[in-house]
Amino acid sequence: MPTRRERIESMLANEPEDQFLRYGLAIEFENEGLFEESAKVFKSLMNDPRPHVPSFLRGAQLFVRMDEIEEARTALRTGIEIARSRGEMHPAGEMAELLMTLGSMGE
């Protein structure tokens, strides 16, 4: 029986640009402790022609786990701007909350 990640990877073979599948893959990598692989996928989603808003929050949370605080701040600031420009106030608010909790962490 294929793992969840294997099923996602097989679907991605047919739809390599599918943001929902790529986001799922990033989460599976993170769940497996493969933080670098997860971060790569989140970063690619953030840099898509139409950036994937949920990836900014989830990616920033991962960067905090990896002790990459400045990377987390950058992702959050960019994500907040993109979410607000699309009228996605709830995700913008969640990202703003996380950004505030980071405060002077890592400085």
Protein backbone atom coordinates (compact mmCIF):
# COMPACT_ATOMS: atom_id res chain seq x y z
CA MET A 1 0.00 0.00 0.00
CA PRO A 2 1.57 3.29 -1.06
CA THR A 3 2.13 5.95 1.59
CA ARG A 4 0.27 9.22 1.48
CA ARG A 5 3.38 10.97 0.15
CA GLU A 6 3.79 8.33 -2.58
CA ARG A 7 0.16 8.81 -3.65
CA ILE A 8 0.64 12.60 -3.81
CA GLU A 9 3.90 12.20 -5.75
CA SER A 10 2.21 9.91 -8.27
CA MET A 11 -0.60 12.45 -8.81
CA LEU A 12 1.99 15.22 -9.16
CA ALA A 13 3.65 13.26 -11.97
CA ASN A 14 0.52 14.03 -14.03
CA GLU A 15 -0.13 17.51 -12.63
CA PRO A 16 3.26 18.96 -11.59
CA GLU A 17 1.92 22.51 -11.19
CA ASP A 18 -1.07 21.60 -8.99
CA GLN A 19 -0.69 23.84 -5.93
CA PHE A 20 -2.97 21.77 -3.70
CA LEU A 21 -0.93 18.61 -4.37
CA ARG A 22 2.38 20.43 -3.92
CA TYR A 23 1.15 21.91 -0.63
CA GLY A 24 0.13 18.42 0.50
CA LEU A 25 3.57 17.12 -0.46
CA ALA A 26 5.28 19.85 1.59
CA ILE A 27 3.16 18.91 4.60
CA GLU A 28 3.96 15.21 4.17
CA PHE A 29 7.69 15.99 3.98
CA GLU A 30 7.39 18.04 7.17
CA ASN A 31 5.44 15.25 8.91
CA GLU A 32 8.25 12.85 7.98
CA GLY A 33 10.87 15.22 9.43
CA LEU A 34 12.23 16.07 5.98
CA PHE A 35 12.32 19.79 6.73
CA GLU A 36 14.69 20.87 3.93
CA GLU A 37 12.55 19.12 1.29
CA SER A 38 9.41 20.62 2.79
CA ALA A 39 10.93 24.12 2.82
CA LYS A 40 11.89 23.79 -0.87
CA VAL A 41 8.31 22.96 -1.83
CA PHE A 42 6.84 25.77 0.30
CA LYS A 43 9.32 28.24 -1.25
CA SER A 44 8.40 27.10 -4.76
CA LEU A 45 4.70 27.65 -3.94
CA MET A 46 5.50 31.13 -2.59
CA ASN A 47 7.31 31.94 -5.84
CA ASP A 48 4.62 30.67 -8.23
CA PRO A 49 3.28 33.15 -10.80
CA ARG A 50 0.19 33.30 -8.54
CA PRO A 51 1.70 32.70 -5.09
CA HIS A 52 -0.08 30.16 -2.87
CA VAL A 53 -1.17 32.15 0.21
CA PRO A 54 -1.45 29.24 2.73
CA SER A 55 2.16 28.29 1.99
CA PHE A 56 3.41 31.55 3.47
CA LEU A 57 1.95 30.77 6.91
CA ARG A 58 2.75 27.06 6.89
CA GLY A 59 6.21 27.72 5.44
CA ALA A 60 6.91 30.39 8.06
CA GLN A 61 5.89 27.98 10.82
CA LEU A 62 8.34 25.45 9.38
CA PHE A 63 11.11 28.08 9.19
CA VAL A 64 10.54 28.83 12.89
CA ARG A 65 10.90 25.10 13.67
CA MET A 66 14.14 25.14 11.68
CA ASP A 67 15.30 28.22 13.65
CA GLU A 68 15.27 30.29 10.44
CA ILE A 69 13.55 33.26 12.09
CA GLU A 70 14.49 35.91 9.53
CA GLU A 71 13.31 33.62 6.72
CA ALA A 72 10.00 33.22 8.60
CA ARG A 73 9.61 37.00 8.99
CA THR A 74 10.29 37.58 5.29
CA ALA A 75 7.75 34.92 4.26
CA LEU A 76 5.14 36.37 6.61
CA ARG A 77 5.61 39.96 5.46
CA THR A 78 5.33 38.93 1.81
CA GLY A 79 2.39 36.61 2.52
CA ILE A 80 0.49 39.31 4.41
CA GLU A 81 0.92 41.74 1.51
CA ILE A 82 -0.25 39.19 -1.07
CA ALA A 83 -3.19 38.01 1.05
CA ARG A 84 -4.35 41.60 1.68
CA SER A 85 -4.05 42.48 -2.02
CA ARG A 86 -6.45 39.60 -2.76
CA GLY A 87 -8.84 40.50 0.04
CA GLU A 88 -7.91 37.34 1.97
CA MET A 89 -8.08 38.98 5.39
CA HIS A 90 -8.28 35.85 7.53
CA PRO A 91 -4.94 34.37 6.36
CA ALA A 92 -3.40 37.87 6.49
CA GLY A 93 -4.51 38.13 10.13
CA GLU A 94 -3.11 34.70 11.02
CA MET A 95 0.23 35.62 9.47
CA ALA A 96 0.26 39.00 11.26
CA GLU A 97 -0.33 37.20 14.58
CA LEU A 98 2.58 34.83 14.00
CA LEU A 99 4.80 37.74 12.92
CA MET A 100 4.00 39.55 16.19
CA THR A 101 4.81 36.46 18.27
CA LEU A 102 8.24 36.28 16.64
CA GLY A 103 9.00 39.71 18.11
CA SER A 104 12.73 39.96 18.74
CA MET A 105 13.20 36.19 18.54
CA GLY A 106 16.41 35.16 16.80
CA GLU A 107 17.98 38.61 17.00
